[in-house]
C-alpha atoms as a PDB file:
ATOM      1  CA  MET A   1       0.000   0.000   0.000  1.00  0.00           C
ATOM      2  CA  GLU A   2       2.825   2.387   0.913  1.00  0.00           C
ATOM      3  CA  ALA A   3       4.578   1.609  -2.384  1.00  0.00           C
ATOM      4  CA  SER A   4       1.498   2.557  -4.419  1.00  0.00           C
ATOM      5  CA  LEU A   5       1.143   5.823  -2.457  1.00  0.00           C
ATOM      6  CA  LEU A   6       4.800   6.578  -3.024  1.00  0.00           C
ATOM      7  CA  ILE A   7       4.421   5.939  -6.772  1.00  0.00           C
ATOM      8  CA  LEU A   8       1.355   8.167  -6.912  1.00  0.00           C
ATOM      9  CA  LEU A   9       3.229  10.930  -5.086  1.00  0.00           C
ATOM     10  CA  LEU A  10       6.199  10.645  -7.466  1.00  0.00           C
ATOM     11  CA  VAL A  11       3.910  10.753 -10.513  1.00  0.00           C
ATOM     12  CA  GLY A  12       2.226  13.873  -9.124  1.00  0.00           C
ATOM     13  CA  VAL A  13       5.569  15.585  -8.458  1.00  0.00           C
ATOM     14  CA  ALA A  14       6.837  14.618 -11.922  1.00  0.00           C
ATOM     15  CA  PHE A  15       3.670  15.984 -13.523  1.00  0.00           C
ATOM     16  CA  PHE A  16       3.991  19.186 -11.539  1.00  0.00           C
ATOM     17  CA  MET A  17       7.663  19.625 -12.465  1.00  0.00           C
ATOM     18  CA  PHE A  18       7.623  18.528 -16.092  1.00  0.00           C
ATOM     19  CA  GLY A  19       4.002  19.100 -17.079  1.00  0.00           C
ATOM     20  CA  ARG A  20       4.248  22.876 -16.725  1.00  0.00           C
ATOM     21  CA  LYS A  21       5.274  25.101 -19.601  1.00  0.00           C
ATOM     22  CA  SER A  22       8.966  25.861 -19.782  1.00  0.00           C
ATOM     23  CA  SER A  23      10.211  29.129 -18.383  1.00  0.00           C
ATOM     24  CA  ARG A  24      11.091  30.225 -21.930  1.00  0.00           C
ATOM     25  CA  SER A  25       7.379  30.326 -22.852  1.00  0.00           C
ATOM     26  CA  LYS A  26       5.907  33.718 -23.713  1.00  0.00           C
ATOM     27  CA  TYR A  27       2.789  32.954 -21.716  1.00  0.00           C
ATOM     28  CA  THR A  28       2.326  35.105 -18.638  1.00  0.00           C
ATOM     29  CA  PRO A  29      -0.371  34.099 -16.194  1.00  0.00           C
ATOM     30  CA  PRO A  30      -3.111  36.733 -15.822  1.00  0.00           C
ATOM     31  CA  SER A  31      -2.174  37.409 -12.202  1.00  0.00           C
ATOM     32  CA  ARG A  32       1.371  38.443 -13.235  1.00  0.00           C
ATOM     33  CA  ALA A  33       0.385  40.442 -16.307  1.00  0.00           C
ATOM     34  CA  THR A  34       1.165  44.113 -16.157  1.00  0.00           C
ATOM     35  CA  PRO A  35      -1.939  46.289 -16.351  1.00  0.00           C
ATOM     36  CA  GLN A  36      -2.430  48.271 -19.539  1.00  0.00           C
ATOM     37  CA  LYS A  37      -2.330  52.005 -18.977  1.00  0.00           C
ATOM     38  CA  ARG A  38      -5.093  53.950 -20.669  1.00  0.00           C
ATOM     39  CA  PRO A  39      -4.536  57.518 -21.716  1.00  0.00           C
ATOM     40  CA  ALA A  40      -6.131  59.911 -19.284  1.00  0.00           C
ATOM     41  CA  THR A  41      -9.290  61.559 -20.643  1.00  0.00           C
ATOM     42  CA  LYS A  42     -11.104  64.416 -19.059  1.00  0.00           C
ATOM     43  CA  GLN A  43     -14.671  63.354 -18.302  1.00  0.00           C
ATOM     44  CA  GLN A  44     -17.211  66.013 -19.230  1.00  0.00           C
ATOM     45  CA  PRO A  45     -20.400  66.280 -17.182  1.00  0.00           C
ATOM     46  CA  PHE A  46     -23.624  65.222 -18.940  1.00  0.00           C
ATOM     47  CA  ASP A  47     -25.466  68.124 -20.544  1.00  0.00           C
ATOM     48  CA  ALA A  48     -29.000  67.219 -21.651  1.00  0.00           C
ATOM     49  CA  GLN A  49     -29.231  70.304 -23.881  1.00  0.00           C
ATOM     50  CA  SER A  50     -26.267  69.339 -26.046  1.00  0.00           C
ATOM     51  CA  ALA A  51     -26.790  65.560 -25.965  1.00  0.00           C
ATOM     52  CA  HIS A  52     -27.704  63.886 -29.235  1.00  0.00           C
ATOM     53  CA  LYS A  53     -29.817  60.791 -29.662  1.00  0.00           C
ATOM     54  CA  ARG A  54     -27.567  57.901 -30.629  1.00  0.00           C
ATOM     55  CA  PRO A  55     -28.500  56.622 -34.077  1.00  0.00           C
ATOM     56  CA  VAL A  56     -29.921  53.135 -34.151  1.00  0.00           C
ATOM     57  CA  SER A  57     -28.022  50.978 -36.626  1.00  0.00           C
ATOM     58  CA  THR A  58     -29.581  47.558 -36.489  1.00  0.00           C
ATOM     59  CA  THR A  59     -30.443  45.358 -39.418  1.00  0.00           C
ATOM     60  CA  LEU A  60     -32.909  42.500 -39.120  1.00  0.00           C
ATOM     61  CA  GLN A  61     -33.412  39.917 -41.817  1.00  0.00           C
ATOM     62  CA  GLY A  62     -35.807  37.060 -42.311  1.00  0.00           C
ATOM     63  CA  PRO A  63     -39.334  36.130 -43.278  1.00  0.00           C
ATOM     64  CA  ALA A  64     -41.949  38.736 -42.405  1.00  0.00           C
ATOM     65  CA  TYR A  65     -45.271  38.154 -40.683  1.00  0.00           C
ATOM     66  CA  VAL A  66     -47.628  40.900 -41.876  1.00  0.00           C
ATOM     67  CA  VAL A  67     -49.754  42.607 -39.201  1.00  0.00           C
ATOM     68  CA  ASP A  68     -51.378  45.269 -41.388  1.00  0.00           C
ATOM     69  CA  GLY A  69     -50.586  47.464 -44.403  1.00  0.00           C
ATOM     70  CA  ASP A  70     -47.636  49.200 -42.770  1.00  0.00           C
ATOM     71  CA  THR A  71     -46.502  46.808 -40.026  1.00  0.00           C
ATOM     72  CA  VAL A  72     -44.544  43.544 -40.175  1.00  0.00           C
ATOM     73  CA  VAL A  73     -42.833  41.287 -37.652  1.00  0.00           C
ATOM     74  CA  ILE A  74     -39.291  40.079 -38.374  1.00  0.00           C
ATOM     75  CA  GLN A  75     -37.375  37.989 -35.833  1.00  0.00           C
ATOM     76  CA  LYS A  76     -40.030  38.658 -33.174  1.00  0.00           C
ATOM     77  CA  THR A  77     -39.629  42.442 -33.636  1.00  0.00           C
ATOM     78  CA  GLN A  78     -42.685  44.431 -34.698  1.00  0.00           C
ATOM     79  CA  ILE A  79     -41.609  46.908 -37.366  1.00  0.00           C
ATOM     80  CA  ARG A  80     -43.457  49.942 -38.712  1.00  0.00           C
ATOM     81  CA  LEU A  81     -42.615  50.680 -42.351  1.00  0.00           C
ATOM     82  CA  PHE A  82     -40.639  53.889 -42.692  1.00  0.00           C
ATOM     83  CA  GLY A  83     -42.281  57.037 -44.054  1.00  0.00           C
ATOM     84  CA  VAL A  84     -45.722  55.768 -45.036  1.00  0.00           C
ATOM     85  CA  ASP A  85     -49.183  55.364 -43.569  1.00  0.00           C
ATOM     86  CA  ALA A  86     -51.638  52.640 -44.540  1.00  0.00           C
ATOM     87  CA  PRO A  87     -55.234  52.231 -43.367  1.00  0.00           C
ATOM     88  CA  GLU A  88     -55.922  50.361 -40.146  1.00  0.00           C
ATOM     89  CA  MET A  89     -57.431  46.891 -40.480  1.00  0.00           C
ATOM     90  CA  ASP A  90     -60.945  48.054 -39.541  1.00  0.00           C
ATOM     91  CA  HIS A  91     -60.820  51.096 -41.852  1.00  0.00           C
ATOM     92  CA  PRO A  92     -61.790  51.178 -45.525  1.00  0.00           C
ATOM     93  CA  HIS A  93     -59.136  49.370 -47.639  1.00  0.00           C
ATOM     94  CA  GLY A  94     -57.318  48.148 -44.495  1.00  0.00           C
ATOM     95  CA  LYS A  95     -57.644  44.463 -45.386  1.00  0.00           C
ATOM     96  CA  ASN A  96     -56.662  45.154 -49.005  1.00  0.00           C
ATOM     97  CA  ALA A  97     -53.499  46.908 -47.781  1.00  0.00           C
ATOM     98  CA  LYS A  98     -52.607  43.993 -45.509  1.00  0.00           C
ATOM     99  CA  TRP A  99     -53.076  41.382 -48.237  1.00  0.00           C
ATOM    100  CA  ALA A 100     -51.084  43.422 -50.741  1.00  0.00           C
ATOM    101  CA  LEU A 101     -48.195  43.509 -48.262  1.00  0.00           C
ATOM    102  CA  VAL A 102     -48.613  39.769 -47.608  1.00  0.00           C
ATOM    103  CA  ASN A 103     -48.324  39.124 -51.360  1.00  0.00           C
ATOM    104  CA  LEU A 104     -45.168  41.253 -51.571  1.00  0.00           C
ATOM    105  CA  CYS A 105     -43.494  39.488 -48.611  1.00  0.00           C
ATOM    106  CA  LYS A 106     -44.757  35.915 -48.996  1.00  0.00           C
ATOM    107  CA  GLY A 107     -41.898  33.424 -49.275  1.00  0.00           C
ATOM    108  CA  LYS A 108     -39.248  36.142 -49.338  1.00  0.00           C
ATOM    109  CA  THR A 109     -36.513  37.256 -46.983  1.00  0.00           C
ATOM    110  CA  ILE A 110     -37.050  40.863 -45.908  1.00  0.00           C
ATOM    111  CA  ARG A 111     -34.177  43.102 -44.805  1.00  0.00           C
ATOM    112  CA  ALA A 112     -35.146  45.783 -42.279  1.00  0.00           C
ATOM    113  CA  GLU A 113     -32.736  48.638 -41.577  1.00  0.00           C
ATOM    114  CA  VAL A 114     -33.909  50.104 -38.281  1.00  0.00           C
ATOM    115  CA  THR A 115     -34.009  53.895 -38.286  1.00  0.00           C
ATOM    116  CA  GLU A 116     -35.580  54.736 -34.931  1.00  0.00           C
ATOM    117  CA  GLN A 117     -38.163  54.049 -32.256  1.00  0.00           C
ATOM    118  CA  ASP A 118     -41.365  56.022 -32.814  1.00  0.00           C
ATOM    119  CA  ALA A 119     -43.313  57.959 -30.181  1.00  0.00           C
ATOM    120  CA  TYR A 120     -45.205  54.773 -29.256  1.00  0.00           C
ATOM    121  CA  GLY A 121     -42.015  52.720 -28.762  1.00  0.00           C
ATOM    122  CA  ARG A 122     -42.410  50.819 -32.036  1.00  0.00           C
ATOM    123  CA  THR A 123     -39.390  50.022 -34.189  1.00  0.00           C
ATOM    124  CA  VAL A 124     -39.366  51.959 -37.472  1.00  0.00           C
ATOM    125  CA  ALA A 125     -37.334  50.558 -40.358  1.00  0.00           C
ATOM    126  CA  LYS A 126     -36.690  50.855 -44.062  1.00  0.00           C
ATOM    127  CA  CYS A 127     -37.676  47.413 -45.343  1.00  0.00           C
ATOM    128  CA  TYR A 128     -36.397  45.889 -48.568  1.00  0.00           C
ATOM    129  CA  LEU A 129     -37.268  42.851 -50.640  1.00  0.00           C
ATOM    130  CA  GLN A 130     -34.509  40.495 -51.816  1.00  0.00           C
ATOM    131  CA  ASP A 131     -34.353  42.277 -55.180  1.00  0.00           C
ATOM    132  CA  GLY A 132     -33.755  45.635 -53.432  1.00  0.00           C
ATOM    133  CA  ARG A 133     -37.247  47.104 -53.792  1.00  0.00           C
ATOM    134  CA  ASP A 134     -38.390  49.319 -50.918  1.00  0.00           C
ATOM    135  CA  LEU A 135     -41.583  47.934 -49.325  1.00  0.00           C
ATOM    136  CA  SER A 136     -42.824  51.433 -48.422  1.00  0.00           C
ATOM    137  CA  ALA A 137     -42.437  52.573 -52.038  1.00  0.00           C
ATOM    138  CA  GLU A 138     -44.189  49.452 -53.329  1.00  0.00           C
ATOM    139  CA  MET A 139     -47.193  50.015 -51.042  1.00  0.00           C
ATOM    140  CA  VAL A 140     -47.464  53.656 -52.146  1.00  0.00           C
ATOM    141  CA  LYS A 141     -47.225  52.681 -55.829  1.00  0.00           C
ATOM    142  CA  LEU A 142     -50.056  50.174 -55.307  1.00  0.00           C
ATOM    143  CA  GLY A 143     -52.257  52.966 -53.908  1.00  0.00           C
ATOM    144  CA  LEU A 144     -52.616  51.225 -50.537  1.00  0.00           C
ATOM    145  CA  ALA A 145     -50.396  53.544 -48.481  1.00  0.00           C
ATOM    146  CA  ILE A 146     -49.641  57.258 -48.588  1.00  0.00           C
ATOM    147  CA  ASP A 147     -46.450  59.186 -48.015  1.00  0.00           C
ATOM    148  CA  TRP A 148     -46.105  60.676 -44.523  1.00  0.00           C
ATOM    149  CA  PRO A 149     -43.944  63.755 -45.227  1.00  0.00           C
ATOM    150  CA  LYS A 150     -43.446  64.503 -41.522  1.00  0.00           C
ATOM    151  CA  PHE A 151     -41.333  61.327 -41.283  1.00  0.00           C
ATOM    152  CA  SER A 152     -40.161  60.701 -44.869  1.00  0.00           C
ATOM    153  CA  SER A 153     -39.397  64.300 -45.896  1.00  0.00           C
ATOM    154  CA  GLY A 154     -41.639  63.649 -48.930  1.00  0.00           C
ATOM    155  CA  LYS A 155     -39.568  60.721 -50.236  1.00  0.00           C
ATOM    156  CA  TYR A 156     -42.644  58.796 -51.439  1.00  0.00           C
ATOM    157  CA  SER A 157     -44.997  61.654 -52.388  1.00  0.00           C
ATOM    158  CA  SER A 158     -44.125  61.529 -56.097  1.00  0.00           C
ATOM    159  CA  MET A 159     -45.076  57.832 -56.130  1.00  0.00           C
ATOM    160  CA  GLU A 160     -48.642  58.379 -54.870  1.00  0.00           C
ATOM    161  CA  VAL A 161     -51.320  57.375 -57.356  1.00  0.00           C
ATOM    162  CA  PRO A 162     -53.870  60.054 -58.313  1.00  0.00           C
ATOM    163  CA  GLY A 163     -56.783  60.299 -55.891  1.00  0.00           C
ATOM    164  CA  VAL A 164     -55.195  58.073 -53.243  1.00  0.00           C
ATOM    165  CA  ARG A 165     -55.630  60.634 -50.452  1.00  0.00           C
ATOM    166  CA  LYS A 166     -59.394  60.652 -51.061  1.00  0.00           C
ATOM    167  CA  LYS A 167     -59.431  56.848 -51.154  1.00  0.00           C
ATOM    168  CA  LEU A 168     -57.412  56.601 -47.899  1.00  0.00           C
ATOM    169  CA  TRP A 169     -59.180  59.559 -46.293  1.00  0.00           C
ATOM    170  CA  LEU A 170     -58.782  58.333 -42.698  1.00  0.00           C
ATOM    171  CA  ALA A 171     -54.995  58.020 -43.033  1.00  0.00           C
ATOM    172  CA  ASP A 172     -54.918  61.464 -44.650  1.00  0.00           C
ATOM    173  CA  ALA A 173     -57.004  62.881 -41.786  1.00  0.00           C
ATOM    174  CA  ARG A 174     -54.594  61.414 -39.205  1.00  0.00           C
ATOM    175  CA  GLN A 175     -51.624  63.012 -40.924  1.00  0.00           C
ATOM    176  CA  LYS A 176     -53.353  66.379 -40.922  1.00  0.00           C
ATOM    177  CA  GLY A 177     -54.282  66.121 -37.243  1.00  0.00           C
ATOM    178  CA  ARG A 178     -58.024  65.878 -37.868  1.00  0.00           C
ATOM    179  CA  MET A 179     -58.640  63.194 -35.276  1.00  0.00           C
ATOM    180  CA  HIS A 180     -62.297  64.176 -34.975  1.00  0.00           C
ATOM    181  CA  VAL A 181     -62.769  62.460 -38.363  1.00  0.00           C
ATOM    182  CA  TRP A 182     -61.442  59.218 -36.812  1.00  0.00           C
ATOM    183  CA  GLU A 183     -63.674  59.636 -33.771  1.00  0.00           C
ATOM    184  CA  GLN A 184     -66.745  60.129 -35.962  1.00  0.00           C
ATOM    185  CA  PHE A 185     -65.853  57.064 -38.037  1.00  0.00           C
ATOM    186  CA  ASP A 186     -65.356  54.934 -34.913  1.00  0.00           C
ATOM    187  CA  ALA A 187     -68.632  56.209 -33.413  1.00  0.00           C
ATOM    188  CA  ARG A 188     -70.590  55.251 -36.571  1.00  0.00           C
ATOM    189  CA  LYS A 189     -68.845  51.869 -36.666  1.00  0.00           C
ATOM    190  CA  ASN A 190     -69.732  51.152 -33.020  1.00  0.00           C
ATOM    191  CA  VAL A 191     -73.397  52.120 -33.560  1.00  0.00           C
ATOM    192  CA  LYS A 192     -73.668  49.579 -36.402  1.00  0.00           C
ATOM    193  CA  LYS A 193     -72.487  46.750 -34.117  1.00  0.00           C
END
């Protein structure tokens, strides 16, 4: 028994002595490493007046689940299409807008370049089909969404089909701040139920 313990002890000592890296190795254990010195920088106090919102630079890619005419879900993130407004599902042409977007996205990989979070906390993104077409532009060209100049700087206004603002009158009213038009529409809708 003592012989086997002695052999085990010798094997352990041999492993300890010869199993370690040689002293010529360039490896330095973390505890002996010299700390890196960073250049000293003067920390400025936070000034809310001069602070700028950090730009969001995220890209999502994948199949899109269509919620309505201007909203999709990619990788579990709900995304509002940049710069356009489409009718809500319970508004005139709302279902047509949704199904047009479904037909554009069906079976395709959509690339969404996130631009910001809107006032309601939703992710806003410029969304593109595999062939590079802009989904917002395609919806406007189909006459199922209208340009929202407040957010797009008029990027899609030249693509609007004639008479589309009369056709999508509720979306147009929202853009112009005439929410009483929405309220009247909702009141009539609720009376019919």
